[in-house]
């Protein structure tokens, strides 16, 4: 089987014990964690690979991410 390179936006949220929870908005239900940001990135790569391989095994299509622009806006309140 030919390999394809896919790109997905990955969201890292620091949790209360100092680790990171990772989600991928384009892949519903995909959640993983890592104790450090590097471990979280490795776990995300592995989770995305397993998710996509599972879709392929089931004969489902692979979600392709639309262009999404993310920007942090700072606002003054009060």
PDB file of N, CA and C in Angstrom:
ATOM      1  N   UNK A   1       0.844  -1.174   0.000  1.00  0.00           N
ATOM      2  CA  UNK A   1       0.000   0.000   0.000  1.00  0.00           C
ATOM      3  C   UNK A   1       0.894   1.243   0.000  1.00  0.00           C
ATOM      4  N   UNK A   2       0.559   2.222  -0.802  1.00  0.00           N
ATOM      5  CA  UNK A   2       1.321   3.466  -0.863  1.00  0.00           C
ATOM      6  C   UNK A   2       1.079   4.286   0.399  1.00  0.00           C
ATOM      7  N   UNK A   3       2.109   4.996   0.821  1.00  0.00           N
ATOM      8  CA  UNK A   3       1.968   5.859   1.986  1.00  0.00           C
ATOM      9  C   UNK A   3       1.599   7.257   1.534  1.00  0.00           C
ATOM     10  N   UNK A   4       0.764   7.909   2.329  1.00  0.00           N
ATOM     11  CA  UNK A   4       0.380   9.287   2.083  1.00  0.00           C
ATOM     12  C   UNK A   4       0.719  10.103   3.314  1.00  0.00           C
ATOM     13  N   UNK A   5       1.086  11.342   3.105  1.00  0.00           N
ATOM     14  CA  UNK A   5       1.341  12.226   4.225  1.00  0.00           C
ATOM     15  C   UNK A   5       0.121  13.107   4.426  1.00  0.00           C
ATOM     16  N   UNK A   6      -0.409  13.106   5.639  1.00  0.00           N
ATOM     17  CA  UNK A   6      -1.581  13.900   5.978  1.00  0.00           C
ATOM     18  C   UNK A   6      -1.195  14.934   7.022  1.00  0.00           C
ATOM     19  N   UNK A   7      -1.904  16.049   7.033  1.00  0.00           N
ATOM     20  CA  UNK A   7      -1.671  17.096   8.035  1.00  0.00           C
ATOM     21  C   UNK A   7      -2.984  17.409   8.737  1.00  0.00           C
ATOM     22  N   UNK A   8      -2.919  17.507  10.048  1.00  0.00           N
ATOM     23  CA  UNK A   8      -4.096  17.845  10.843  1.00  0.00           C
ATOM     24  C   UNK A   8      -3.728  18.875  11.900  1.00  0.00           C
ATOM     25  N   UNK A   9      -4.675  19.750  12.205  1.00  0.00           N
ATOM     26  CA  UNK A   9      -4.523  20.670  13.317  1.00  0.00           C
ATOM     27  C   UNK A   9      -4.691  19.873  14.601  1.00  0.00           C
ATOM     28  N   UNK A  10      -3.765  20.055  15.521  1.00  0.00           N
ATOM     29  CA  UNK A  10      -3.773  19.329  16.795  1.00  0.00           C
ATOM     30  C   UNK A  10      -3.834  20.370  17.905  1.00  0.00           C
ATOM     31  N   UNK A  11      -4.720  20.150  18.888  1.00  0.00           N
ATOM     32  CA  UNK A  11      -4.899  21.090  19.992  1.00  0.00           C
ATOM     33  C   UNK A  11      -4.303  20.479  21.258  1.00  0.00           C
ATOM     34  N   UNK A  12      -3.374  21.196  21.874  1.00  0.00           N
ATOM     35  CA  UNK A  12      -2.730  20.766  23.109  1.00  0.00           C
ATOM     36  C   UNK A  12      -3.250  21.646  24.248  1.00  0.00           C
ATOM     37  N   UNK A  13      -3.838  21.020  25.245  1.00  0.00           N
ATOM     38  CA  UNK A  13      -4.321  21.765  26.407  1.00  0.00           C
ATOM     39  C   UNK A  13      -3.603  21.249  27.643  1.00  0.00           C
ATOM     40  N   UNK A  14      -2.966  22.167  28.378  1.00  0.00           N
ATOM     41  CA  UNK A  14      -2.278  21.747  29.589  1.00  0.00           C
ATOM     42  C   UNK A  14      -3.322  21.386  30.634  1.00  0.00           C
ATOM     43  N   UNK A  15      -3.162  20.220  31.255  1.00  0.00           N
ATOM     44  CA  UNK A  15      -4.128  19.821  32.273  1.00  0.00           C
ATOM     45  C   UNK A  15      -3.583  20.108  33.666  1.00  0.00           C
ATOM     46  N   UNK A  16      -4.406  19.894  34.664  1.00  0.00           N
ATOM     47  CA  UNK A  16      -4.055  20.306  36.029  1.00  0.00           C
ATOM     48  C   UNK A  16      -2.850  19.579  36.623  1.00  0.00           C
ATOM     49  N   UNK A  17      -2.503  18.384  36.134  1.00  0.00           N
ATOM     50  CA  UNK A  17      -1.325  17.700  36.672  1.00  0.00           C
ATOM     51  C   UNK A  17      -0.061  17.988  35.857  1.00  0.00           C
ATOM     52  N   UNK A  18      -0.108  18.989  34.988  1.00  0.00           N
ATOM     53  CA  UNK A  18       1.076  19.408  34.262  1.00  0.00           C
ATOM     54  C   UNK A  18       1.271  18.758  32.908  1.00  0.00           C
ATOM     55  N   UNK A  19       0.534  17.696  32.635  1.00  0.00           N
ATOM     56  CA  UNK A  19       0.619  17.049  31.327  1.00  0.00           C
ATOM     57  C   UNK A  19      -0.241  17.770  30.300  1.00  0.00           C
ATOM     58  N   UNK A  20      -0.392  17.151  29.144  1.00  0.00           N
ATOM     59  CA  UNK A  20      -1.148  17.759  28.056  1.00  0.00           C
ATOM     60  C   UNK A  20      -2.187  16.781  27.510  1.00  0.00           C
ATOM     61  N   UNK A  21      -3.383  17.290  27.309  1.00  0.00           N
ATOM     62  CA  UNK A  21      -4.446  16.540  26.648  1.00  0.00           C
ATOM     63  C   UNK A  21      -4.472  17.010  25.206  1.00  0.00           C
ATOM     64  N   UNK A  22      -4.578  16.064  24.282  1.00  0.00           N
ATOM     65  CA  UNK A  22      -4.497  16.375  22.857  1.00  0.00           C
ATOM     66  C   UNK A  22      -5.790  15.951  22.173  1.00  0.00           C
ATOM     67  N   UNK A  23      -6.337  16.841  21.344  1.00  0.00           N
ATOM     68  CA  UNK A  23      -7.484  16.519  20.504  1.00  0.00           C
ATOM     69  C   UNK A  23      -7.177  16.946  19.068  1.00  0.00           C
ATOM     70  N   UNK A  24      -7.905  16.338  18.134  1.00  0.00           N
ATOM     71  CA  UNK A  24      -7.769  16.662  16.718  1.00  0.00           C
ATOM     72  C   UNK A  24      -9.181  16.946  16.208  1.00  0.00           C
ATOM     73  N   UNK A  25      -9.540  18.219  16.027  1.00  0.00           N
ATOM     74  CA  UNK A  25     -10.911  18.560  15.670  1.00  0.00           C
ATOM     75  C   UNK A  25     -11.455  17.844  14.433  1.00  0.00           C
ATOM     76  N   UNK A  26     -10.623  17.561  13.451  1.00  0.00           N
ATOM     77  CA  UNK A  26     -11.077  16.904  12.221  1.00  0.00           C
ATOM     78  C   UNK A  26     -11.347  15.416  12.420  1.00  0.00           C
ATOM     79  N   UNK A  27     -10.825  14.833  13.498  1.00  0.00           N
ATOM     80  CA  UNK A  27     -10.995  13.406  13.766  1.00  0.00           C
ATOM     81  C   UNK A  27     -11.805  13.243  15.055  1.00  0.00           C
ATOM     82  N   UNK A  28     -13.125  13.246  14.965  1.00  0.00           N
ATOM     83  CA  UNK A  28     -13.989  13.216  16.150  1.00  0.00           C
ATOM     84  C   UNK A  28     -13.678  12.036  17.063  1.00  0.00           C
ATOM     85  N   UNK A  29     -13.612  12.326  18.355  1.00  0.00           N
ATOM     86  CA  UNK A  29     -13.383  11.290  19.343  1.00  0.00           C
ATOM     87  C   UNK A  29     -11.930  10.982  19.612  1.00  0.00           C
ATOM     88  N   UNK A  30     -11.015  11.538  18.830  1.00  0.00           N
ATOM     89  CA  UNK A  30      -9.596  11.268  19.053  1.00  0.00           C
ATOM     90  C   UNK A  30      -9.104  12.148  20.195  1.00  0.00           C
ATOM     91  N   UNK A  31      -8.705  11.499  21.277  1.00  0.00           N
ATOM     92  CA  UNK A  31      -8.153  12.186  22.447  1.00  0.00           C
ATOM     93  C   UNK A  31      -6.989  11.348  22.951  1.00  0.00           C
ATOM     94  N   UNK A  32      -5.883  12.002  23.257  1.00  0.00           N
ATOM     95  CA  UNK A  32      -4.739  11.310  23.850  1.00  0.00           C
ATOM     96  C   UNK A  32      -4.066  12.265  24.813  1.00  0.00           C
ATOM     97  N   UNK A  33      -3.052  11.797  25.522  1.00  0.00           N
ATOM     98  CA  UNK A  33      -2.361  12.627  26.504  1.00  0.00           C
ATOM     99  C   UNK A  33      -0.872  12.334  26.509  1.00  0.00           C
ATOM    100  N   UNK A  34      -0.120  13.261  27.064  1.00  0.00           N
ATOM    101  CA  UNK A  34       1.303  13.065  27.270  1.00  0.00           C
ATOM    102  C   UNK A  34       1.757  13.858  28.476  1.00  0.00           C
ATOM    103  N   UNK A  35       2.774  13.357  29.170  1.00  0.00           N
ATOM    104  CA  UNK A  35       3.283  14.037  30.367  1.00  0.00           C
ATOM    105  C   UNK A  35       4.025  15.326  30.010  1.00  0.00           C
ATOM    106  N   UNK A  36       4.639  15.358  28.825  1.00  0.00           N
ATOM    107  CA  UNK A  36       5.349  16.551  28.339  1.00  0.00           C
ATOM    108  C   UNK A  36       4.780  16.886  26.957  1.00  0.00           C
ATOM    109  N   UNK A  37       5.111  18.064  26.460  1.00  0.00           N
ATOM    110  CA  UNK A  37       4.619  18.459  25.134  1.00  0.00           C
ATOM    111  C   UNK A  37       5.188  17.522  24.067  1.00  0.00           C
ATOM    112  N   UNK A  38       6.440  17.113  24.206  1.00  0.00           N
ATOM    113  CA  UNK A  38       7.039  16.199  23.223  1.00  0.00           C
ATOM    114  C   UNK A  38       6.360  14.834  23.260  1.00  0.00           C
ATOM    115  N   UNK A  39       6.097  14.334  24.462  1.00  0.00           N
ATOM    116  CA  UNK A  39       5.393  13.053  24.580  1.00  0.00           C
ATOM    117  C   UNK A  39       3.976  13.174  24.012  1.00  0.00           C
ATOM    118  N   UNK A  40       3.327  14.302  24.263  1.00  0.00           N
ATOM    119  CA  UNK A  40       1.979  14.521  23.739  1.00  0.00           C
ATOM    120  C   UNK A  40       1.994  14.537  22.206  1.00  0.00           C
ATOM    121  N   UNK A  41       3.020  15.136  21.607  1.00  0.00           N
ATOM    122  CA  UNK A  41       3.141  15.146  20.143  1.00  0.00           C
ATOM    123  C   UNK A  41       3.328  13.724  19.613  1.00  0.00           C
ATOM    124  N   UNK A  42       4.185  12.947  20.266  1.00  0.00           N
ATOM    125  CA  UNK A  42       4.396  11.561  19.847  1.00  0.00           C
ATOM    126  C   UNK A  42       3.108  10.747  19.968  1.00  0.00           C
ATOM    127  N   UNK A  43       2.395  10.935  21.071  1.00  0.00           N
ATOM    128  CA  UNK A  43       1.139  10.221  21.279  1.00  0.00           C
ATOM    129  C   UNK A  43       0.104  10.635  20.225  1.00  0.00           C
ATOM    130  N   UNK A  44       0.101  11.917  19.865  1.00  0.00           N
ATOM    131  CA  UNK A  44      -0.833  12.402  18.849  1.00  0.00           C
ATOM    132  C   UNK A  44      -0.541  11.762  17.495  1.00  0.00           C
ATOM    133  N   UNK A  45       0.734  11.697  17.122  1.00  0.00           N
ATOM    134  CA  UNK A  45       1.101  11.064  15.846  1.00  0.00           C
ATOM    135  C   UNK A  45       0.634   9.608  15.816  1.00  0.00           C
ATOM    136  N   UNK A  46       0.880   8.893  16.906  1.00  0.00           N
ATOM    137  CA  UNK A  46       0.480   7.488  16.987  1.00  0.00           C
ATOM    138  C   UNK A  46      -1.039   7.341  16.936  1.00  0.00           C
ATOM    139  N   UNK A  47      -1.747   8.200  17.668  1.00  0.00           N
ATOM    140  CA  UNK A  47      -3.212   8.123  17.701  1.00  0.00           C
ATOM    141  C   UNK A  47      -3.818   8.447  16.330  1.00  0.00           C
ATOM    142  N   UNK A  48      -3.273   9.445  15.648  1.00  0.00           N
ATOM    143  CA  UNK A  48      -3.774   9.804  14.316  1.00  0.00           C
ATOM    144  C   UNK A  48      -3.539   8.648  13.351  1.00  0.00           C
ATOM    145  N   UNK A  49      -2.356   8.056  13.402  1.00  0.00           N
ATOM    146  CA  UNK A  49      -2.052   6.924  12.526  1.00  0.00           C
ATOM    147  C   UNK A  49      -3.031   5.774  12.755  1.00  0.00           C
ATOM    148  N   UNK A  50      -3.264   5.429  14.012  1.00  0.00           N
ATOM    149  CA  UNK A  50      -4.201   4.338  14.328  1.00  0.00           C
ATOM    150  C   UNK A  50      -5.622   4.672  13.886  1.00  0.00           C
ATOM    151  N   UNK A  51      -6.034   5.916  14.090  1.00  0.00           N
ATOM    152  CA  UNK A  51      -7.372   6.365  13.715  1.00  0.00           C
ATOM    153  C   UNK A  51      -7.571   6.207  12.203  1.00  0.00           C
ATOM    154  N   UNK A  52      -6.619   6.740  11.441  1.00  0.00           N
ATOM    155  CA  UNK A  52      -6.732   6.700   9.976  1.00  0.00           C
ATOM    156  C   UNK A  52      -6.635   5.262   9.461  1.00  0.00           C
ATOM    157  N   UNK A  53      -5.723   4.461  10.014  1.00  0.00           N
ATOM    158  CA  UNK A  53      -5.621   3.062   9.593  1.00  0.00           C
ATOM    159  C   UNK A  53      -6.916   2.301   9.884  1.00  0.00           C
ATOM    160  N   UNK A  54      -7.560   2.606  11.010  1.00  0.00           N
ATOM    161  CA  UNK A  54      -8.848   1.987  11.333  1.00  0.00           C
ATOM    162  C   UNK A  54      -9.915   2.357  10.319  1.00  0.00           C
ATOM    163  N   UNK A  55      -9.936   3.626   9.907  1.00  0.00           N
ATOM    164  CA  UNK A  55     -10.894   4.051   8.881  1.00  0.00           C
ATOM    165  C   UNK A  55     -10.667   3.293   7.582  1.00  0.00           C
ATOM    166  N   UNK A  56      -9.401   3.178   7.185  1.00  0.00           N
ATOM    167  CA  UNK A  56      -9.073   2.477   5.943  1.00  0.00           C
ATOM    168  C   UNK A  56      -9.478   1.004   6.014  1.00  0.00           C
ATOM    169  N   UNK A  57      -9.228   0.357   7.161  1.00  0.00           N
ATOM    170  CA  UNK A  57      -9.596  -1.048   7.324  1.00  0.00           C
ATOM    171  C   UNK A  57     -11.109  -1.245   7.226  1.00  0.00           C
ATOM    172  N   UNK A  58     -11.870  -0.249   7.700  1.00  0.00           N
ATOM    173  CA  UNK A  58     -13.332  -0.320   7.649  1.00  0.00           C
ATOM    174  C   UNK A  58     -13.897   0.127   6.297  1.00  0.00           C
ATOM    175  N   UNK A  59     -13.012   0.576   5.391  1.00  0.00           N
ATOM    176  CA  UNK A  59     -13.466   1.040   4.086  1.00  0.00           C
ATOM    177  C   UNK A  59     -14.050   2.443   4.102  1.00  0.00           C
ATOM    178  N   UNK A  60     -13.799   3.183   5.186  1.00  0.00           N
ATOM    179  CA  UNK A  60     -14.309   4.556   5.292  1.00  0.00           C
ATOM    180  C   UNK A  60     -13.326   5.541   4.662  1.00  0.00           C
ATOM    181  N   UNK A  61     -13.825   6.710   4.325  1.00  0.00           N
ATOM    182  CA  UNK A  61     -12.944   7.730   3.749  1.00  0.00           C
ATOM    183  C   UNK A  61     -12.162   8.424   4.861  1.00  0.00           C
ATOM    184  N   UNK A  62     -11.006   8.941   4.498  1.00  0.00           N
ATOM    185  CA  UNK A  62     -10.150   9.654   5.438  1.00  0.00           C
ATOM    186  C   UNK A  62     -10.550  11.127   5.436  1.00  0.00           C
ATOM    187  N   UNK A  63     -10.862  11.685   6.612  1.00  0.00           N
ATOM    188  CA  UNK A  63     -11.202  13.108   6.663  1.00  0.00           C
ATOM    189  C   UNK A  63     -10.008  13.968   6.242  1.00  0.00           C
ATOM    190  N   UNK A  64     -10.269  14.897   5.368  1.00  0.00           N
ATOM    191  CA  UNK A  64      -9.250  15.836   4.927  1.00  0.00           C
ATOM    192  C   UNK A  64      -9.590  17.186   5.556  1.00  0.00           C
ATOM    193  N   UNK A  65      -8.613  17.786   6.177  1.00  0.00           N
ATOM    194  CA  UNK A  65      -8.842  19.034   6.891  1.00  0.00           C
ATOM    195  C   UNK A  65      -9.011  20.202   5.922  1.00  0.00           C
ATOM    196  N   UNK A  66     -10.018  21.008   6.194  1.00  0.00           N
ATOM    197  CA  UNK A  66     -10.204  22.259   5.446  1.00  0.00           C
ATOM    198  C   UNK A  66      -9.226  23.284   5.996  1.00  0.00           C
ATOM    199  N   UNK A  67      -8.966  24.292   5.205  1.00  0.00           N
ATOM    200  CA  UNK A  67      -8.121  25.378   5.681  1.00  0.00           C
ATOM    201  C   UNK A  67      -8.851  26.096   6.808  1.00  0.00           C
ATOM    202  N   UNK A  68      -8.224  26.134   7.963  1.00  0.00           N
ATOM    203  CA  UNK A  68      -8.781  26.823   9.118  1.00  0.00           C
ATOM    204  C   UNK A  68      -7.714  27.773   9.622  1.00  0.00           C
ATOM    205  N   UNK A  69      -8.094  29.009   9.806  1.00  0.00           N
ATOM    206  CA  UNK A  69      -7.151  29.997  10.305  1.00  0.00           C
ATOM    207  C   UNK A  69      -7.390  30.151  11.801  1.00  0.00           C
ATOM    208  N   UNK A  70      -6.342  29.912  12.576  1.00  0.00           N
ATOM    209  CA  UNK A  70      -6.421  30.047  14.025  1.00  0.00           C
ATOM    210  C   UNK A  70      -5.655  31.293  14.421  1.00  0.00           C
ATOM    211  N   UNK A  71      -6.281  32.075  15.261  1.00  0.00           N
ATOM    212  CA  UNK A  71      -5.616  33.275  15.743  1.00  0.00           C
ATOM    213  C   UNK A  71      -6.035  33.503  17.184  1.00  0.00           C
ATOM    214  N   UNK A  72      -5.111  33.930  18.001  1.00  0.00           N
ATOM    215  CA  UNK A  72      -5.433  34.268  19.380  1.00  0.00           C
ATOM    216  C   UNK A  72      -5.722  35.759  19.443  1.00  0.00           C
ATOM    217  N   UNK A  73      -6.881  36.096  19.970  1.00  0.00           N
ATOM    218  CA  UNK A  73      -7.245  37.499  20.118  1.00  0.00           C
ATOM    219  C   UNK A  73      -7.183  37.878  21.590  1.00  0.00           C
ATOM    220  N   UNK A  74      -6.586  38.999  21.880  1.00  0.00           N
ATOM    221  CA  UNK A  74      -6.491  39.498  23.246  1.00  0.00           C
ATOM    222  C   UNK A  74      -7.489  40.634  23.404  1.00  0.00           C
ATOM    223  N   UNK A  75      -8.282  40.596  24.451  1.00  0.00           N
ATOM    224  CA  UNK A  75      -9.279  41.629  24.684  1.00  0.00           C
ATOM    225  C   UNK A  75      -9.114  42.185  26.091  1.00  0.00           C
ATOM    226  N   UNK A  76      -9.438  43.456  26.248  1.00  0.00           N
ATOM    227  CA  UNK A  76      -9.405  44.096  27.568  1.00  0.00           C
ATOM    228  C   UNK A  76     -10.828  44.107  28.105  1.00  0.00           C
ATOM    229  N   UNK A  77     -10.972  43.698  29.347  1.00  0.00           N
ATOM    230  CA  UNK A  77     -12.284  43.666  29.976  1.00  0.00           C
ATOM    231  C   UNK A  77     -12.236  44.535  31.218  1.00  0.00           C
ATOM    232  N   UNK A  78     -13.285  45.337  31.381  1.00  0.00           N
ATOM    233  CA  UNK A  78     -13.394  46.144  32.608  1.00  0.00           C
ATOM    234  C   UNK A  78     -12.803  47.451  32.522  1.00  0.00           C
TER     235      UNK A  78
END
